[in-house]
Amino acid sequence: MTLAVPALIGADGKYRVHIVGNSGKLAKRFTGFLNVFFSTQSTTGRKLAEILGVPFISLDTLHWNPGWKASTGPEFHEKVQNALNAAPEGWVVDGNYSSKLGDLVDTNATDRIWLDPPLLQYLPRIILRTLRRLLRLGEPCSPGCNERFTEVFFSRDSIIWWCITHHSVVRKRETLNFAKMGLGVGSDLTGRKMRRIGGWGKELEQWLGAVRHLVRSK
């Protein structure tokens, strides 16, 4: 992947990164059968936050209260605003709840990263990670929000079903956003801050490597 601009744009030496895309975004490709089943690799957002040395903010964690009780719009907006305010040196936010948050995150972000891997790449990982949560071998989406067998396999609220049915929806939405904010191609000349990272993992690995180099060079 050729980077015509820095791996991250940032502002005033600080990085406020919003990561969007469908669910199940992992930091790097798994290599080998055992890794597929037992890897504890963090998500891309957590890995990026670690590289940058800034807090990682999961919108899922802030949105869901124990027992899968969703925060109201005002409650959620306040939680997210407080989390952003508490990280003046930068942050990495993962997730997209524009229906409740509007452009709160994007307005404050210096960079928007669209992770767009093929469905066949991340769906098996979602299934495996969900099974781990069902068996209480992995952390829940949010504290007090444990997966239940009937909801995972027999409910339209299942994360697995959501990923399958929303893959094309998310891709269409972010394609429109990219046409407006895409680096070097967006129609909004002053608001170009969005990068698309697709493929089966190599492009993501290269980008994370470029981010590491960017941080080390400062």
N, C-alpha and C. Protein backbone atom coordinates (compact mmCIF):
# COMPACT_ATOMS: atom_id res chain seq x y z
N MET A 1 0.85 -1.20 0.00
CA MET A 1 0.00 0.00 0.00
C MET A 1 0.88 1.24 0.00
N THR A 2 0.69 2.12 -0.94
CA THR A 2 1.46 3.35 -1.02
C THR A 2 0.72 4.45 -0.27
N LEU A 3 1.40 5.07 0.68
CA LEU A 3 0.78 6.11 1.47
C LEU A 3 1.19 7.47 0.92
N ALA A 4 0.26 8.17 0.29
CA ALA A 4 0.57 9.48 -0.28
C ALA A 4 0.62 10.55 0.79
N VAL A 5 0.06 10.27 1.96
CA VAL A 5 0.05 11.18 3.08
C VAL A 5 0.49 10.40 4.31
N PRO A 6 0.80 11.08 5.41
CA PRO A 6 1.18 10.35 6.62
C PRO A 6 0.14 9.32 7.02
N ALA A 7 0.56 8.30 7.75
CA ALA A 7 -0.35 7.24 8.17
C ALA A 7 -1.52 7.80 8.96
N LEU A 8 -1.25 8.85 9.73
CA LEU A 8 -2.29 9.57 10.44
C LEU A 8 -2.04 11.06 10.27
N ILE A 9 -3.09 11.82 10.16
CA ILE A 9 -2.95 13.26 9.97
C ILE A 9 -2.67 13.96 11.29
N GLY A 10 -3.54 13.73 12.26
CA GLY A 10 -3.36 14.36 13.56
C GLY A 10 -3.53 15.87 13.47
N ALA A 11 -3.37 16.49 14.63
CA ALA A 11 -3.43 17.95 14.71
C ALA A 11 -2.72 18.38 15.98
N ASP A 12 -1.81 19.34 15.85
CA ASP A 12 -1.04 19.83 16.99
C ASP A 12 -0.30 18.70 17.71
N GLY A 13 0.15 17.71 16.93
CA GLY A 13 0.89 16.61 17.51
C GLY A 13 0.04 15.60 18.25
N LYS A 14 -1.29 15.71 18.12
CA LYS A 14 -2.20 14.81 18.82
C LYS A 14 -3.07 14.08 17.80
N TYR A 15 -3.45 12.86 18.17
CA TYR A 15 -4.24 12.04 17.26
C TYR A 15 -5.56 11.66 17.91
N ARG A 16 -6.63 11.98 17.22
CA ARG A 16 -7.98 11.61 17.67
C ARG A 16 -8.60 10.82 16.51
N VAL A 17 -8.60 9.51 16.68
CA VAL A 17 -8.91 8.61 15.57
C VAL A 17 -10.24 7.91 15.78
N HIS A 18 -11.09 7.97 14.78
CA HIS A 18 -12.37 7.28 14.79
C HIS A 18 -12.30 6.10 13.83
N ILE A 19 -12.47 4.90 14.36
CA ILE A 19 -12.44 3.69 13.54
C ILE A 19 -13.87 3.21 13.30
N VAL A 20 -14.20 3.01 12.03
CA VAL A 20 -15.55 2.58 11.67
C VAL A 20 -15.47 1.35 10.78
N GLY A 21 -16.62 0.71 10.60
CA GLY A 21 -16.70 -0.48 9.77
C GLY A 21 -17.66 -1.46 10.39
N ASN A 22 -17.75 -2.64 9.81
CA ASN A 22 -18.60 -3.67 10.38
C ASN A 22 -17.92 -4.26 11.61
N SER A 23 -18.61 -5.10 12.36
CA SER A 23 -18.05 -5.66 13.58
C SER A 23 -17.00 -6.70 13.27
N GLY A 24 -16.21 -7.04 14.30
CA GLY A 24 -15.25 -8.12 14.16
C GLY A 24 -13.94 -7.71 13.55
N LYS A 25 -13.52 -6.46 13.74
CA LYS A 25 -12.30 -5.96 13.15
C LYS A 25 -11.12 -6.32 14.07
N LEU A 26 -10.19 -7.12 13.56
CA LEU A 26 -9.05 -7.53 14.36
C LEU A 26 -7.80 -6.81 13.91
N ALA A 27 -6.82 -6.78 14.79
CA ALA A 27 -5.63 -5.99 14.55
C ALA A 27 -4.78 -6.52 13.40
N LYS A 28 -4.75 -7.83 13.19
CA LYS A 28 -3.90 -8.37 12.14
C LYS A 28 -4.42 -9.76 11.78
N ARG A 29 -3.93 -10.26 10.70
CA ARG A 29 -4.36 -11.59 10.27
C ARG A 29 -3.89 -12.63 11.26
N PHE A 30 -4.73 -13.67 11.45
CA PHE A 30 -4.29 -14.82 12.20
C PHE A 30 -3.46 -15.69 11.27
N THR A 31 -2.40 -16.31 11.78
CA THR A 31 -1.58 -17.19 10.97
C THR A 31 -1.55 -18.54 11.62
N GLY A 32 -2.19 -19.50 10.97
CA GLY A 32 -2.17 -20.85 11.50
C GLY A 32 -3.43 -21.22 12.24
N PHE A 33 -3.71 -22.51 12.26
CA PHE A 33 -4.94 -23.04 12.84
C PHE A 33 -5.08 -22.70 14.31
N LEU A 34 -4.03 -22.86 15.11
CA LEU A 34 -4.13 -22.61 16.55
C LEU A 34 -4.41 -21.15 16.82
N ASN A 35 -3.81 -20.27 16.04
CA ASN A 35 -4.04 -18.84 16.26
C ASN A 35 -5.49 -18.47 15.99
N VAL A 36 -6.09 -19.10 15.00
CA VAL A 36 -7.48 -18.78 14.68
C VAL A 36 -8.37 -19.07 15.87
N PHE A 37 -8.08 -20.15 16.58
CA PHE A 37 -8.96 -20.56 17.66
C PHE A 37 -8.57 -19.99 19.01
N PHE A 38 -7.30 -19.67 19.23
CA PHE A 38 -6.89 -19.31 20.58
C PHE A 38 -6.23 -17.94 20.70
N SER A 39 -6.10 -17.22 19.59
CA SER A 39 -5.42 -15.93 19.64
C SER A 39 -6.16 -14.95 20.54
N THR A 40 -5.39 -14.14 21.27
CA THR A 40 -5.99 -13.09 22.11
C THR A 40 -5.61 -11.72 21.57
N GLN A 41 -5.38 -11.64 20.26
CA GLN A 41 -5.04 -10.36 19.65
C GLN A 41 -6.14 -9.34 19.94
N SER A 42 -5.71 -8.17 20.29
CA SER A 42 -6.68 -7.09 20.55
C SER A 42 -7.25 -6.59 19.23
N THR A 43 -8.29 -5.83 19.33
CA THR A 43 -8.88 -5.24 18.13
C THR A 43 -7.93 -4.19 17.58
N THR A 44 -8.20 -3.80 16.36
CA THR A 44 -7.39 -2.77 15.73
C THR A 44 -7.38 -1.49 16.57
N GLY A 45 -8.53 -1.14 17.10
CA GLY A 45 -8.61 0.08 17.90
C GLY A 45 -7.72 0.03 19.12
N ARG A 46 -7.76 -1.08 19.84
CA ARG A 46 -6.92 -1.22 21.04
C ARG A 46 -5.44 -1.20 20.66
N LYS A 47 -5.11 -1.88 19.56
CA LYS A 47 -3.71 -1.91 19.12
C LYS A 47 -3.24 -0.52 18.73
N LEU A 48 -4.07 0.21 18.00
CA LEU A 48 -3.70 1.56 17.59
C LEU A 48 -3.53 2.47 18.80
N ALA A 49 -4.44 2.37 19.76
CA ALA A 49 -4.35 3.19 20.97
C ALA A 49 -3.05 2.89 21.72
N GLU A 50 -2.67 1.63 21.74
CA GLU A 50 -1.42 1.24 22.41
C GLU A 50 -0.22 1.86 21.71
N ILE A 51 -0.23 1.83 20.38
CA ILE A 51 0.88 2.41 19.61
C ILE A 51 0.98 3.91 19.85
N LEU A 52 -0.16 4.58 19.88
CA LEU A 52 -0.19 6.03 20.04
C LEU A 52 -0.04 6.47 21.49
N GLY A 53 -0.27 5.55 22.42
CA GLY A 53 -0.20 5.90 23.84
C GLY A 53 -1.36 6.77 24.29
N VAL A 54 -2.55 6.48 23.74
CA VAL A 54 -3.75 7.25 24.09
C VAL A 54 -4.84 6.28 24.53
N PRO A 55 -5.89 6.78 25.20
CA PRO A 55 -6.98 5.91 25.64
C PRO A 55 -7.77 5.33 24.46
N PHE A 56 -8.25 4.10 24.66
CA PHE A 56 -9.14 3.47 23.71
C PHE A 56 -10.56 3.59 24.24
N ILE A 57 -11.48 4.07 23.41
CA ILE A 57 -12.86 4.28 23.82
C ILE A 57 -13.76 3.42 22.95
N SER A 58 -14.41 2.44 23.55
CA SER A 58 -15.33 1.56 22.84
C SER A 58 -16.74 2.10 22.98
N LEU A 59 -17.35 2.45 21.87
CA LEU A 59 -18.72 2.95 21.92
C LEU A 59 -19.69 1.86 22.36
N ASP A 60 -19.40 0.61 22.01
CA ASP A 60 -20.25 -0.49 22.47
C ASP A 60 -20.30 -0.54 23.99
N THR A 61 -19.12 -0.43 24.61
CA THR A 61 -19.05 -0.50 26.07
C THR A 61 -19.82 0.64 26.72
N LEU A 62 -19.73 1.83 26.14
CA LEU A 62 -20.44 2.98 26.70
C LEU A 62 -21.95 2.91 26.44
N HIS A 63 -22.32 2.28 25.35
CA HIS A 63 -23.74 2.25 24.97
C HIS A 63 -24.53 1.22 25.77
N TRP A 64 -23.92 0.05 26.04
CA TRP A 64 -24.67 -1.03 26.67
C TRP A 64 -24.45 -1.06 28.17
N ASN A 65 -25.54 -1.06 28.89
CA ASN A 65 -25.53 -1.21 30.34
C ASN A 65 -25.76 -2.69 30.67
N PRO A 66 -25.48 -3.12 31.91
CA PRO A 66 -25.69 -4.52 32.28
C PRO A 66 -27.08 -5.03 31.89
N GLY A 67 -27.08 -6.29 31.43
CA GLY A 67 -28.34 -6.88 30.98
C GLY A 67 -28.74 -6.44 29.59
N TRP A 68 -27.78 -5.93 28.80
CA TRP A 68 -28.03 -5.46 27.44
C TRP A 68 -29.07 -4.34 27.41
N LYS A 69 -29.06 -3.49 28.42
CA LYS A 69 -29.96 -2.34 28.43
C LYS A 69 -29.26 -1.17 27.74
N ALA A 70 -29.84 -0.70 26.66
CA ALA A 70 -29.23 0.37 25.87
C ALA A 70 -29.35 1.72 26.57
N SER A 71 -28.30 2.51 26.50
CA SER A 71 -28.37 3.87 27.02
C SER A 71 -29.31 4.70 26.15
N THR A 72 -29.99 5.63 26.74
CA THR A 72 -30.81 6.55 25.95
C THR A 72 -29.89 7.48 25.16
N GLY A 73 -30.45 8.17 24.18
CA GLY A 73 -29.65 9.09 23.40
C GLY A 73 -28.90 10.11 24.23
N PRO A 74 -29.59 10.84 25.13
CA PRO A 74 -28.91 11.82 25.97
C PRO A 74 -27.86 11.21 26.88
N GLU A 75 -28.17 10.04 27.47
CA GLU A 75 -27.21 9.37 28.34
C GLU A 75 -25.96 8.99 27.57
N PHE A 76 -26.16 8.42 26.40
CA PHE A 76 -25.04 7.97 25.58
C PHE A 76 -24.19 9.14 25.13
N HIS A 77 -24.84 10.20 24.69
CA HIS A 77 -24.13 11.40 24.24
C HIS A 77 -23.26 11.95 25.36
N GLU A 78 -23.81 11.99 26.58
CA GLU A 78 -23.05 12.51 27.72
C GLU A 78 -21.87 11.61 28.05
N LYS A 79 -22.07 10.30 28.02
CA LYS A 79 -20.98 9.36 28.29
C LYS A 79 -19.83 9.55 27.31
N VAL A 80 -20.18 9.64 26.03
CA VAL A 80 -19.15 9.77 25.00
C VAL A 80 -18.45 11.12 25.11
N GLN A 81 -19.21 12.18 25.31
CA GLN A 81 -18.61 13.50 25.45
C GLN A 81 -17.65 13.54 26.63
N ASN A 82 -18.04 12.94 27.75
CA ASN A 82 -17.18 12.90 28.93
C ASN A 82 -15.91 12.11 28.66
N ALA A 83 -16.03 11.00 27.91
CA ALA A 83 -14.87 10.19 27.58
C ALA A 83 -13.89 10.96 26.69
N LEU A 84 -14.42 11.71 25.73
CA LEU A 84 -13.56 12.51 24.85
C LEU A 84 -12.89 13.63 25.64
N ASN A 85 -13.65 14.28 26.52
CA ASN A 85 -13.09 15.37 27.32
C ASN A 85 -12.00 14.89 28.27
N ALA A 86 -12.12 13.62 28.68
CA ALA A 86 -11.15 13.07 29.63
C ALA A 86 -9.85 12.66 28.95
N ALA A 87 -9.77 12.80 27.64
CA ALA A 87 -8.57 12.39 26.90
C ALA A 87 -8.08 13.55 26.03
N PRO A 88 -7.63 14.65 26.63
CA PRO A 88 -7.21 15.82 25.86
C PRO A 88 -5.97 15.60 25.00
N GLU A 89 -5.19 14.56 25.32
CA GLU A 89 -3.96 14.30 24.56
C GLU A 89 -4.20 13.38 23.37
N GLY A 90 -5.47 13.00 23.17
CA GLY A 90 -5.78 12.15 22.03
C GLY A 90 -6.55 10.91 22.45
N TRP A 91 -7.14 10.23 21.47
CA TRP A 91 -7.92 9.03 21.75
C TRP A 91 -8.12 8.23 20.47
N VAL A 92 -8.57 6.99 20.67
CA VAL A 92 -9.02 6.15 19.57
C VAL A 92 -10.42 5.68 19.93
N VAL A 93 -11.39 6.01 19.10
CA VAL A 93 -12.78 5.61 19.32
C VAL A 93 -13.15 4.55 18.30
N ASP A 94 -13.74 3.46 18.78
CA ASP A 94 -14.15 2.38 17.89
C ASP A 94 -15.67 2.26 17.91
N GLY A 95 -16.28 2.30 16.73
CA GLY A 95 -17.72 2.11 16.64
C GLY A 95 -18.41 3.27 15.96
N ASN A 96 -19.66 3.05 15.58
CA ASN A 96 -20.40 4.10 14.89
C ASN A 96 -21.85 4.07 15.35
N TYR A 97 -22.25 5.06 16.09
CA TYR A 97 -23.63 5.19 16.56
C TYR A 97 -24.17 6.55 16.15
N SER A 98 -24.07 6.84 14.87
CA SER A 98 -24.45 8.17 14.39
C SER A 98 -25.93 8.47 14.64
N SER A 99 -26.77 7.42 14.72
CA SER A 99 -28.19 7.66 14.96
C SER A 99 -28.44 8.28 16.32
N LYS A 100 -27.55 8.02 17.28
CA LYS A 100 -27.67 8.59 18.61
C LYS A 100 -26.68 9.72 18.87
N LEU A 101 -25.52 9.64 18.23
CA LEU A 101 -24.46 10.61 18.51
C LEU A 101 -24.34 11.70 17.46
N GLY A 102 -24.98 11.50 16.31
CA GLY A 102 -24.79 12.47 15.24
C GLY A 102 -23.34 12.47 14.81
N ASP A 103 -22.76 13.65 14.64
CA ASP A 103 -21.36 13.76 14.22
C ASP A 103 -20.44 14.11 15.38
N LEU A 104 -20.85 13.78 16.61
CA LEU A 104 -20.06 14.12 17.79
C LEU A 104 -18.62 13.63 17.68
N VAL A 105 -18.43 12.36 17.33
CA VAL A 105 -17.08 11.81 17.27
C VAL A 105 -16.34 12.34 16.05
N ASP A 106 -16.97 12.31 14.89
CA ASP A 106 -16.28 12.72 13.67
C ASP A 106 -15.88 14.19 13.69
N THR A 107 -16.69 15.04 14.29
CA THR A 107 -16.35 16.45 14.36
C THR A 107 -15.06 16.66 15.15
N ASN A 108 -14.86 15.85 16.17
CA ASN A 108 -13.68 15.99 17.02
C ASN A 108 -12.49 15.18 16.55
N ALA A 109 -12.71 14.26 15.60
CA ALA A 109 -11.65 13.37 15.14
C ALA A 109 -10.72 14.08 14.16
N THR A 110 -9.44 13.73 14.26
CA THR A 110 -8.47 14.21 13.27
C THR A 110 -8.37 13.23 12.11
N ASP A 111 -8.73 11.96 12.36
CA ASP A 111 -8.63 10.92 11.35
C ASP A 111 -9.83 9.98 11.47
N ARG A 112 -10.33 9.53 10.33
CA ARG A 112 -11.40 8.53 10.29
C ARG A 112 -10.87 7.33 9.50
N ILE A 113 -10.82 6.18 10.13
CA ILE A 113 -10.27 4.98 9.50
C ILE A 113 -11.40 3.99 9.24
N TRP A 114 -11.61 3.67 7.98
CA TRP A 114 -12.65 2.73 7.58
C TRP A 114 -12.00 1.38 7.33
N LEU A 115 -12.29 0.42 8.21
CA LEU A 115 -11.81 -0.94 8.02
C LEU A 115 -12.84 -1.70 7.19
N ASP A 116 -12.41 -2.15 6.01
CA ASP A 116 -13.35 -2.75 5.05
C ASP A 116 -12.84 -4.09 4.53
N PRO A 117 -12.65 -5.07 5.43
CA PRO A 117 -12.21 -6.39 4.98
C PRO A 117 -13.36 -7.17 4.38
N PRO A 118 -13.09 -8.22 3.61
CA PRO A 118 -14.16 -9.05 3.06
C PRO A 118 -14.95 -9.73 4.18
N LEU A 119 -16.24 -9.94 3.95
CA LEU A 119 -17.08 -10.60 4.93
C LEU A 119 -16.53 -11.98 5.29
N LEU A 120 -16.02 -12.69 4.30
CA LEU A 120 -15.51 -14.04 4.55
C LEU A 120 -14.28 -14.04 5.44
N GLN A 121 -13.62 -12.89 5.57
CA GLN A 121 -12.46 -12.83 6.44
C GLN A 121 -12.85 -12.70 7.91
N TYR A 122 -13.78 -11.79 8.20
CA TYR A 122 -14.04 -11.51 9.61
C TYR A 122 -15.24 -12.24 10.20
N LEU A 123 -16.14 -12.78 9.36
CA LEU A 123 -17.29 -13.48 9.91
C LEU A 123 -16.89 -14.71 10.73
N PRO A 124 -15.95 -15.55 10.25
CA PRO A 124 -15.54 -16.69 11.08
C PRO A 124 -14.96 -16.24 12.42
N ARG A 125 -14.29 -15.11 12.45
CA ARG A 125 -13.70 -14.61 13.69
C ARG A 125 -14.79 -14.15 14.65
N ILE A 126 -15.83 -13.52 14.08
CA ILE A 126 -16.96 -13.11 14.91
C ILE A 126 -17.60 -14.33 15.56
N ILE A 127 -17.79 -15.40 14.77
CA ILE A 127 -18.42 -16.61 15.28
C ILE A 127 -17.57 -17.22 16.39
N LEU A 128 -16.26 -17.31 16.16
CA LEU A 128 -15.38 -17.89 17.16
C LEU A 128 -15.33 -17.04 18.43
N ARG A 129 -15.27 -15.73 18.25
CA ARG A 129 -15.21 -14.86 19.42
C ARG A 129 -16.51 -14.92 20.21
N THR A 130 -17.63 -15.04 19.50
CA THR A 130 -18.92 -15.15 20.17
C THR A 130 -19.02 -16.46 20.94
N LEU A 131 -18.51 -17.54 20.36
CA LEU A 131 -18.51 -18.82 21.05
C LEU A 131 -17.66 -18.75 22.32
N ARG A 132 -16.54 -18.05 22.23
CA ARG A 132 -15.71 -17.88 23.42
C ARG A 132 -16.47 -17.15 24.52
N ARG A 133 -17.24 -16.15 24.13
CA ARG A 133 -18.02 -15.41 25.12
C ARG A 133 -19.13 -16.27 25.70
N LEU A 134 -19.74 -17.10 24.85
CA LEU A 134 -20.78 -18.00 25.34
C LEU A 134 -20.22 -18.95 26.40
N LEU A 135 -18.99 -19.40 26.19
CA LEU A 135 -18.34 -20.32 27.12
C LEU A 135 -17.63 -19.60 28.25
N ARG A 136 -17.81 -18.26 28.32
CA ARG A 136 -17.19 -17.42 29.35
C ARG A 136 -15.67 -17.50 29.30
N LEU A 137 -15.12 -17.67 28.08
CA LEU A 137 -13.68 -17.70 27.88
C LEU A 137 -13.15 -16.36 27.38
N GLY A 138 -14.05 -15.45 27.08
CA GLY A 138 -13.67 -14.12 26.61
C GLY A 138 -14.47 -13.05 27.30
N GLU A 139 -13.96 -11.84 27.28
CA GLU A 139 -14.65 -10.73 27.92
C GLU A 139 -15.92 -10.39 27.15
N PRO A 140 -17.00 -10.02 27.85
CA PRO A 140 -18.23 -9.64 27.18
C PRO A 140 -18.07 -8.32 26.43
N CYS A 141 -19.02 -8.04 25.56
CA CYS A 141 -19.02 -6.79 24.80
C CYS A 141 -18.96 -5.59 25.74
N SER A 142 -19.71 -5.67 26.83
CA SER A 142 -19.74 -4.64 27.86
C SER A 142 -19.99 -5.34 29.19
N PRO A 143 -19.47 -4.83 30.30
CA PRO A 143 -19.66 -5.49 31.59
C PRO A 143 -21.13 -5.79 31.87
N GLY A 144 -21.40 -7.03 32.26
CA GLY A 144 -22.76 -7.42 32.58
C GLY A 144 -23.61 -7.79 31.38
N CYS A 145 -22.98 -7.85 30.19
CA CYS A 145 -23.71 -8.19 28.97
C CYS A 145 -23.18 -9.51 28.42
N ASN A 146 -23.58 -10.59 29.06
CA ASN A 146 -23.13 -11.91 28.63
C ASN A 146 -23.97 -12.43 27.48
N GLU A 147 -23.32 -13.18 26.59
CA GLU A 147 -24.04 -13.77 25.47
C GLU A 147 -24.89 -14.94 25.95
N ARG A 148 -26.04 -15.13 25.31
CA ARG A 148 -26.90 -16.27 25.60
C ARG A 148 -27.12 -17.06 24.32
N PHE A 149 -27.17 -18.37 24.44
CA PHE A 149 -27.22 -19.26 23.28
C PHE A 149 -28.38 -18.90 22.35
N THR A 150 -29.56 -18.71 22.92
CA THR A 150 -30.73 -18.44 22.08
C THR A 150 -30.59 -17.12 21.33
N GLU A 151 -29.98 -16.13 21.97
CA GLU A 151 -29.82 -14.83 21.32
C GLU A 151 -28.77 -14.88 20.22
N VAL A 152 -27.74 -15.69 20.42
CA VAL A 152 -26.66 -15.77 19.44
C VAL A 152 -27.11 -16.48 18.17
N PHE A 153 -27.86 -17.55 18.32
CA PHE A 153 -28.18 -18.39 17.16
C PHE A 153 -29.64 -18.31 16.69
N PHE A 154 -30.53 -17.78 17.51
CA PHE A 154 -31.95 -17.79 17.13
C PHE A 154 -32.61 -16.42 17.27
N SER A 155 -31.82 -15.37 17.23
CA SER A 155 -32.38 -14.03 17.36
C SER A 155 -31.83 -13.12 16.28
N ARG A 156 -32.67 -12.22 15.81
CA ARG A 156 -32.20 -11.24 14.83
C ARG A 156 -31.33 -10.17 15.47
N ASP A 157 -31.26 -10.19 16.80
CA ASP A 157 -30.36 -9.28 17.50
C ASP A 157 -28.95 -9.86 17.62
N SER A 158 -28.76 -11.06 17.12
CA SER A 158 -27.46 -11.72 17.19
C SER A 158 -26.41 -10.91 16.44
N ILE A 159 -25.21 -10.79 17.02
CA ILE A 159 -24.12 -10.08 16.36
C ILE A 159 -23.73 -10.77 15.06
N ILE A 160 -23.87 -12.10 15.02
CA ILE A 160 -23.55 -12.84 13.81
C ILE A 160 -24.52 -12.47 12.69
N TRP A 161 -25.81 -12.47 13.01
CA TRP A 161 -26.82 -12.10 12.02
C TRP A 161 -26.65 -10.65 11.60
N TRP A 162 -26.32 -9.79 12.58
CA TRP A 162 -26.14 -8.37 12.29
C TRP A 162 -25.02 -8.17 11.28
N CYS A 163 -23.90 -8.87 11.47
CA CYS A 163 -22.76 -8.72 10.56
C CYS A 163 -23.11 -9.16 9.14
N ILE A 164 -23.84 -10.26 9.04
CA ILE A 164 -24.21 -10.77 7.72
C ILE A 164 -25.13 -9.80 7.00
N THR A 165 -26.13 -9.30 7.70
CA THR A 165 -27.14 -8.45 7.07
C THR A 165 -26.70 -7.01 6.89
N HIS A 166 -25.69 -6.57 7.65
CA HIS A 166 -25.28 -5.17 7.59
C HIS A 166 -23.96 -4.94 6.84
N HIS A 167 -23.35 -5.99 6.37
CA HIS A 167 -22.07 -5.82 5.67
C HIS A 167 -22.23 -4.88 4.48
N SER A 168 -23.21 -5.14 3.63
CA SER A 168 -23.40 -4.30 2.45
C SER A 168 -23.93 -2.92 2.83
N VAL A 169 -24.73 -2.87 3.92
CA VAL A 169 -25.27 -1.59 4.38
C VAL A 169 -24.14 -0.67 4.83
N VAL A 170 -23.24 -1.23 5.64
CA VAL A 170 -22.11 -0.44 6.14
C VAL A 170 -21.20 -0.02 5.00
N ARG A 171 -20.95 -0.92 4.07
CA ARG A 171 -20.07 -0.60 2.94
C ARG A 171 -20.66 0.53 2.09
N LYS A 172 -21.97 0.49 1.87
CA LYS A 172 -22.61 1.55 1.09
C LYS A 172 -22.51 2.88 1.82
N ARG A 173 -22.78 2.87 3.13
CA ARG A 173 -22.73 4.10 3.93
C ARG A 173 -21.32 4.69 3.92
N GLU A 174 -20.32 3.85 4.15
CA GLU A 174 -18.96 4.37 4.23
C GLU A 174 -18.40 4.74 2.87
N THR A 175 -18.91 4.12 1.82
CA THR A 175 -18.50 4.52 0.46
C THR A 175 -18.94 5.96 0.20
N LEU A 176 -20.14 6.30 0.65
CA LEU A 176 -20.64 7.67 0.50
C LEU A 176 -19.80 8.63 1.35
N ASN A 177 -19.47 8.21 2.57
CA ASN A 177 -18.64 9.05 3.43
C ASN A 177 -17.26 9.25 2.82
N PHE A 178 -16.73 8.19 2.22
CA PHE A 178 -15.39 8.27 1.62
C PHE A 178 -15.39 9.22 0.43
N ALA A 179 -16.49 9.23 -0.32
CA ALA A 179 -16.58 10.14 -1.46
C ALA A 179 -16.53 11.59 -1.00
N LYS A 180 -16.91 11.82 0.24
CA LYS A 180 -16.89 13.17 0.79
C LYS A 180 -15.59 13.48 1.54
N MET A 181 -15.13 12.51 2.35
CA MET A 181 -14.00 12.77 3.25
C MET A 181 -12.72 12.03 2.88
N GLY A 182 -12.74 11.25 1.83
CA GLY A 182 -11.58 10.43 1.49
C GLY A 182 -10.32 11.23 1.21
N LEU A 183 -9.20 10.77 1.76
CA LEU A 183 -7.93 11.46 1.56
C LEU A 183 -7.58 11.51 0.08
N GLY A 184 -7.42 12.70 -0.43
CA GLY A 184 -7.03 12.88 -1.81
C GLY A 184 -8.13 12.77 -2.83
N VAL A 185 -9.31 12.30 -2.41
CA VAL A 185 -10.38 12.10 -3.39
C VAL A 185 -11.70 12.70 -2.95
N GLY A 186 -11.83 13.05 -1.68
CA GLY A 186 -13.10 13.54 -1.17
C GLY A 186 -13.52 14.88 -1.76
N SER A 187 -14.82 15.07 -1.85
CA SER A 187 -15.35 16.32 -2.39
C SER A 187 -15.24 17.48 -1.40
N ASP A 188 -15.14 17.15 -0.10
CA ASP A 188 -14.98 18.19 0.93
C ASP A 188 -13.50 18.50 1.07
N LEU A 189 -13.05 19.53 0.40
CA LEU A 189 -11.61 19.81 0.32
C LEU A 189 -10.98 20.11 1.67
N THR A 190 -11.76 20.61 2.61
CA THR A 190 -11.21 20.94 3.93
C THR A 190 -11.46 19.83 4.95
N GLY A 191 -12.23 18.83 4.57
CA GLY A 191 -12.59 17.79 5.53
C GLY A 191 -12.09 16.41 5.16
N ARG A 192 -11.06 16.34 4.32
CA ARG A 192 -10.52 15.05 3.90
C ARG A 192 -9.67 14.43 5.01
N LYS A 193 -10.22 13.46 5.69
CA LYS A 193 -9.49 12.83 6.79
C LYS A 193 -9.81 11.35 6.93
N MET A 194 -10.35 10.76 5.87
CA MET A 194 -10.81 9.37 5.94
C MET A 194 -9.93 8.48 5.07
N ARG A 195 -9.50 7.37 5.65
CA ARG A 195 -8.69 6.39 4.92
C ARG A 195 -9.43 5.05 4.91
N ARG A 196 -9.47 4.40 3.77
CA ARG A 196 -10.05 3.05 3.67
C ARG A 196 -8.95 2.02 3.69
N ILE A 197 -9.13 0.99 4.54
CA ILE A 197 -8.18 -0.11 4.62
C ILE A 197 -8.96 -1.40 4.35
N GLY A 198 -8.71 -2.01 3.21
CA GLY A 198 -9.42 -3.21 2.83
C GLY A 198 -8.49 -4.41 2.74
N GLY A 199 -8.86 -5.36 1.90
CA GLY A 199 -8.03 -6.53 1.71
C GLY A 199 -8.15 -7.55 2.82
N TRP A 200 -7.24 -8.53 2.78
CA TRP A 200 -7.29 -9.67 3.69
C TRP A 200 -6.35 -9.53 4.88
N GLY A 201 -5.73 -8.40 5.05
CA GLY A 201 -4.91 -8.19 6.22
C GLY A 201 -3.57 -7.52 5.96
N LYS A 202 -3.01 -7.71 4.77
CA LYS A 202 -1.69 -7.15 4.48
C LYS A 202 -1.71 -5.63 4.52
N GLU A 203 -2.77 -5.04 3.96
CA GLU A 203 -2.86 -3.58 3.93
C GLU A 203 -2.96 -3.01 5.35
N LEU A 204 -3.69 -3.70 6.22
CA LEU A 204 -3.82 -3.26 7.60
C LEU A 204 -2.49 -3.37 8.34
N GLU A 205 -1.77 -4.46 8.12
CA GLU A 205 -0.46 -4.63 8.76
C GLU A 205 0.50 -3.53 8.32
N GLN A 206 0.48 -3.22 7.02
CA GLN A 206 1.36 -2.17 6.50
C GLN A 206 1.01 -0.82 7.11
N TRP A 207 -0.26 -0.55 7.25
CA TRP A 207 -0.68 0.74 7.81
C TRP A 207 -0.26 0.85 9.28
N LEU A 208 -0.50 -0.20 10.06
CA LEU A 208 -0.08 -0.17 11.47
C LEU A 208 1.43 0.00 11.58
N GLY A 209 2.16 -0.63 10.66
CA GLY A 209 3.62 -0.45 10.65
C GLY A 209 3.98 0.99 10.35
N ALA A 210 3.24 1.63 9.44
CA ALA A 210 3.50 3.03 9.11
C ALA A 210 3.17 3.93 10.30
N VAL A 211 2.14 3.58 11.06
CA VAL A 211 1.80 4.35 12.26
C VAL A 211 2.93 4.23 13.28
N ARG A 212 3.44 3.04 13.49
CA ARG A 212 4.56 2.85 14.42
C ARG A 212 5.75 3.70 14.01
N HIS A 213 6.03 3.71 12.71
CA HIS A 213 7.17 4.49 12.21
C HIS A 213 6.92 5.99 12.44
N LEU A 214 5.69 6.42 12.23
CA LEU A 214 5.32 7.81 12.45
C LEU A 214 5.55 8.22 13.90
N VAL A 215 5.14 7.35 14.82
CA VAL A 215 5.29 7.65 16.24
C VAL A 215 6.77 7.68 16.64
N ARG A 216 7.54 6.71 16.13
CA ARG A 216 8.96 6.65 16.49
C ARG A 216 9.75 7.84 15.95
N SER A 217 9.26 8.39 14.83
CA SER A 217 10.01 9.48 14.19
C SER A 217 9.79 10.83 14.86
N LYS A 218 8.83 10.89 15.79
CA LYS A 218 8.53 12.17 16.44
C LYS A 218 9.40 12.37 17.67
